[in-house]
Amino acid sequence: MPERIFGHIEDYPEGSAFDSRKHLSQCGVHRPIQAGISGGADEGADSIVLSGGYEDDKDFGDAIIYTGHGGQNPATRQHISDQQLTRQNLALARNKNLALPVRVIRGHTHNSEFSPSEGYRYDGLFYVDDYWIEQGQSGFKVVHFKLIKADDPNQLTMDSSPIRDRPFEGTGNRTPSRRETTILRVVRDTRQARAVKQLYNYRCQVC
């Protein structure tokens, strides 16, 4: 399996266009052909695709309320069960805990003024500012992630509640400007931390 890259992919800067999910996968920008979240529960998520598959998604341009994976009937795309904080959802949650960026790709089937009119477009790096579980429009529980554009540090201080109804100015179908970004992160050995958490059954020893 190719190494998971948290950050920009060489030769594919922000604003790069792709004609299909297969093209995205071949270029390494988003490797899964179908899944909306690319990641591992122990590593984090390196990329997501907004493709209009979930009715609870909200796109404000530089801020996104992203609905997690699961709970749908594959044939009808209707919600039939609650989502769980496991697998790909847990991977994306790890990004908040580890301060990892995630590549965001918007597709033409995503119902948003910020989506391309055709194909797919890489729209840069976002950070997971928060995540929670709540009842979705279909009556089942969904996992929501608040994503904030990495290029705008002022947005990182926003509260999670007003973001859901706050309008954001964006570029719509126009190709966004490009800028080169370098991402550096500290790589830590988490084995000792995991062992201590397991020893105390993941309970806080302070409170």
Protein backbone atom coordinates (compact mmCIF):
# COMPACT_ATOMS: atom_id res chain seq x y z
CA MET A 1 0.00 0.00 0.00
CA PRO A 2 1.40 3.45 -0.90
CA GLU A 3 2.52 5.68 1.95
CA ARG A 4 -0.24 7.93 3.23
CA ILE A 5 0.58 11.60 2.59
CA PHE A 6 -0.95 14.30 4.80
CA GLY A 7 -0.65 17.44 2.71
CA HIS A 8 -0.38 18.48 -0.91
CA ILE A 9 0.51 15.90 -3.54
CA GLU A 10 3.48 16.86 -5.69
CA ASP A 11 2.50 18.15 -9.16
CA TYR A 12 -1.15 18.64 -8.09
CA PRO A 13 -1.52 22.04 -6.39
CA GLU A 14 -4.76 23.52 -5.12
CA GLY A 15 -7.15 24.09 -8.02
CA SER A 16 -6.05 21.00 -9.98
CA ALA A 17 -8.91 19.45 -11.96
CA PHE A 18 -9.67 15.76 -12.51
CA ASP A 19 -12.20 14.18 -14.84
CA SER A 20 -13.14 11.17 -12.67
CA ARG A 21 -12.67 9.36 -9.38
CA LYS A 22 -10.35 6.97 -11.20
CA HIS A 23 -8.21 9.91 -12.28
CA LEU A 24 -8.07 11.17 -8.67
CA SER A 25 -6.97 7.72 -7.53
CA GLN A 26 -4.30 7.34 -10.20
CA CYS A 27 -2.79 10.69 -9.22
CA GLY A 28 -2.81 9.81 -5.51
CA VAL A 29 -4.93 12.83 -4.56
CA HIS A 30 -7.78 10.59 -3.31
CA ARG A 31 -7.10 6.88 -3.69
CA PRO A 32 -10.48 5.19 -2.96
CA ILE A 33 -12.66 4.88 -6.06
CA GLN A 34 -15.93 4.98 -4.10
CA ALA A 35 -15.36 5.85 -0.44
CA GLY A 36 -15.60 9.53 0.45
CA ILE A 37 -12.96 9.31 3.19
CA SER A 38 -9.45 8.01 2.57
CA GLY A 39 -7.78 7.04 5.81
CA GLY A 40 -7.01 4.52 8.52
CA ALA A 41 -8.45 4.50 12.03
CA ASP A 42 -4.95 4.42 13.55
CA GLU A 43 -3.39 6.95 11.15
CA GLY A 44 -5.90 9.64 10.28
CA ALA A 45 -7.55 10.68 7.01
CA ASP A 46 -5.47 12.10 4.17
CA SER A 47 -8.33 13.15 1.84
CA ILE A 48 -12.11 13.42 1.48
CA VAL A 49 -14.47 13.96 -1.45
CA LEU A 50 -17.63 16.07 -1.38
CA SER A 51 -19.90 14.42 -3.95
CA GLY A 52 -23.44 15.08 -2.75
CA GLY A 53 -23.97 11.66 -1.20
CA TYR A 54 -25.19 12.95 2.17
CA GLU A 55 -28.08 15.38 2.66
CA ASP A 56 -26.68 16.76 5.92
CA ASP A 57 -23.51 18.22 4.34
CA LYS A 58 -23.19 22.03 4.45
CA ASP A 59 -20.61 23.86 2.35
CA PHE A 60 -19.65 27.46 3.14
CA GLY A 61 -16.49 27.55 1.05
CA ASP A 62 -13.70 27.99 3.59
CA ALA A 63 -15.76 26.11 6.18
CA ILE A 64 -17.57 22.80 5.73
CA ILE A 65 -19.89 20.66 7.82
CA TYR A 66 -19.03 17.21 6.49
CA THR A 67 -21.15 14.12 7.13
CA GLY A 68 -19.30 10.94 7.98
CA HIS A 69 -19.45 7.53 6.33
CA GLY A 70 -22.08 4.82 6.72
CA GLY A 71 -25.74 4.33 7.63
CA GLN A 72 -27.00 4.29 4.04
CA ASN A 73 -28.60 1.66 1.84
CA PRO A 74 -26.06 1.28 -1.01
CA ALA A 75 -28.84 0.77 -3.57
CA THR A 76 -31.11 3.69 -2.64
CA ARG A 77 -28.61 6.00 -0.84
CA GLN A 78 -31.24 6.47 1.88
CA HIS A 79 -30.30 6.47 5.57
CA ILE A 80 -31.41 3.26 7.28
CA SER A 81 -29.26 3.22 10.43
CA ASP A 82 -27.14 5.34 12.74
CA GLN A 83 -23.56 6.19 11.82
CA GLN A 84 -20.78 5.10 14.17
CA LEU A 85 -17.48 6.71 15.11
CA THR A 86 -15.52 3.81 13.61
CA ARG A 87 -13.38 3.04 10.53
CA GLN A 88 -13.19 6.04 8.16
CA ASN A 89 -15.11 8.25 10.60
CA LEU A 90 -12.63 7.47 13.33
CA ALA A 91 -9.81 8.17 10.87
CA LEU A 92 -11.11 11.69 10.21
CA ALA A 93 -11.61 12.26 13.94
CA ARG A 94 -7.93 11.40 14.44
CA ASN A 95 -7.05 14.43 12.32
CA LYS A 96 -8.35 16.75 15.04
CA ASN A 97 -6.50 14.91 17.79
CA LEU A 98 -3.23 14.80 15.80
CA ALA A 99 -3.62 18.22 14.08
CA LEU A 100 -3.32 16.62 10.64
CA PRO A 101 -4.50 18.39 7.47
CA VAL A 102 -6.88 16.66 5.07
CA ARG A 103 -7.14 17.26 1.32
CA VAL A 104 -10.63 18.33 0.25
CA ILE A 105 -11.91 17.49 -3.22
CA ARG A 106 -15.23 18.80 -4.50
CA GLY A 107 -17.16 16.97 -7.21
CA HIS A 108 -19.67 18.25 -9.76
CA THR A 109 -22.48 16.19 -8.14
CA HIS A 110 -22.02 18.03 -4.84
CA ASN A 111 -24.87 20.56 -4.57
CA SER A 112 -22.87 23.66 -3.74
CA GLU A 113 -21.96 26.95 -5.36
CA PHE A 114 -18.34 26.12 -4.56
CA SER A 115 -18.30 22.90 -6.59
CA PRO A 116 -16.97 22.62 -10.16
CA SER A 117 -19.44 22.40 -13.02
CA GLU A 118 -17.83 19.15 -14.18
CA GLY A 119 -15.38 16.57 -12.91
CA TYR A 120 -13.56 17.03 -9.61
CA ARG A 121 -11.34 19.77 -8.20
CA TYR A 122 -8.77 19.70 -5.42
CA ASP A 123 -9.64 22.66 -3.19
CA GLY A 124 -6.75 22.63 -0.74
CA LEU A 125 -6.00 21.59 2.83
CA PHE A 126 -8.49 21.78 5.68
CA TYR A 127 -8.23 21.03 9.38
CA VAL A 128 -10.81 19.17 11.47
CA ASP A 129 -11.79 21.80 14.04
CA ASP A 130 -14.49 19.71 15.73
CA TYR A 131 -16.66 16.61 15.37
CA TRP A 132 -19.87 15.44 17.04
CA ILE A 133 -22.80 13.04 16.64
CA GLU A 134 -26.35 14.33 16.20
CA GLN A 135 -29.66 13.37 14.63
CA GLY A 136 -29.68 13.96 10.87
CA GLN A 137 -32.50 14.99 8.56
CA SER A 138 -33.54 11.34 8.07
CA GLY A 139 -33.95 10.78 11.80
CA PHE A 140 -30.81 8.68 12.24
CA LYS A 141 -27.63 9.72 14.02
CA VAL A 142 -24.83 11.04 11.83
CA VAL A 143 -21.23 11.97 12.57
CA HIS A 144 -20.49 15.59 11.66
CA PHE A 145 -17.06 17.13 11.16
CA LYS A 146 -16.36 20.87 11.08
CA LEU A 147 -13.58 21.53 8.56
CA ILE A 148 -11.76 24.85 8.34
CA LYS A 149 -9.57 25.94 5.42
CA ALA A 150 -5.91 25.81 6.44
CA ASP A 151 -5.05 28.95 4.44
CA ASP A 152 -7.20 31.16 6.70
CA PRO A 153 -5.92 30.90 10.30
CA ASN A 154 -8.49 33.46 11.51
CA GLN A 155 -11.27 30.92 10.89
CA LEU A 156 -9.72 28.49 13.40
CA THR A 157 -11.09 30.47 16.34
CA MET A 158 -14.72 30.30 15.22
CA ASP A 159 -17.24 28.51 17.49
CA SER A 160 -18.83 25.35 16.12
CA SER A 161 -22.45 26.51 16.58
CA PRO A 162 -22.67 29.68 14.42
CA ILE A 163 -20.77 28.08 11.56
CA ARG A 164 -23.81 26.03 10.56
CA ASP A 165 -25.82 29.06 9.48
CA ARG A 166 -23.06 31.53 8.70
CA PRO A 167 -22.67 32.53 5.03
CA PHE A 168 -19.21 32.58 3.48
CA GLU A 169 -18.03 34.30 0.35
CA GLY A 170 -16.45 31.96 -2.14
CA THR A 171 -15.33 31.48 -5.71
CA GLY A 172 -18.26 29.34 -6.87
CA ASN A 173 -17.39 27.52 -10.09
CA ARG A 174 -14.38 29.72 -10.71
CA THR A 175 -11.01 28.10 -10.26
CA PRO A 176 -9.54 29.30 -6.93
CA SER A 177 -6.15 30.95 -6.75
CA ARG A 178 -3.16 28.72 -6.04
CA ARG A 179 -0.51 29.07 -3.39
CA GLU A 180 2.32 26.80 -2.37
CA THR A 181 2.10 25.44 1.17
CA THR A 182 4.51 23.31 3.17
CA ILE A 183 3.13 21.14 5.96
CA LEU A 184 5.40 20.04 8.82
CA ARG A 185 4.22 17.85 11.68
CA VAL A 186 5.87 16.18 14.61
CA VAL A 187 5.87 12.38 14.30
CA ARG A 188 5.56 10.84 17.76
CA ASP A 189 5.66 7.24 18.95
CA THR A 190 2.21 6.80 20.53
CA ARG A 191 2.66 3.25 21.80
CA GLN A 192 3.36 4.33 25.39
CA ALA A 193 0.37 6.69 25.44
CA ARG A 194 -1.93 3.97 24.11
CA ALA A 195 -0.64 1.52 26.73
CA VAL A 196 -1.34 3.96 29.58
CA LYS A 197 -4.84 4.69 28.26
CA GLN A 198 -5.61 0.97 28.03
CA LEU A 199 -4.27 0.42 31.58
CA TYR A 200 -6.81 2.89 32.98
CA ASN A 201 -9.62 1.80 30.62
CA TYR A 202 -9.50 5.18 28.83
CA ARG A 203 -10.78 7.01 31.92
CA CYS A 204 -9.51 10.45 32.90
CA GLN A 205 -7.29 10.17 35.99
CA VAL A 206 -7.58 13.87 36.83
CA CYS A 207 -11.33 14.29 37.16
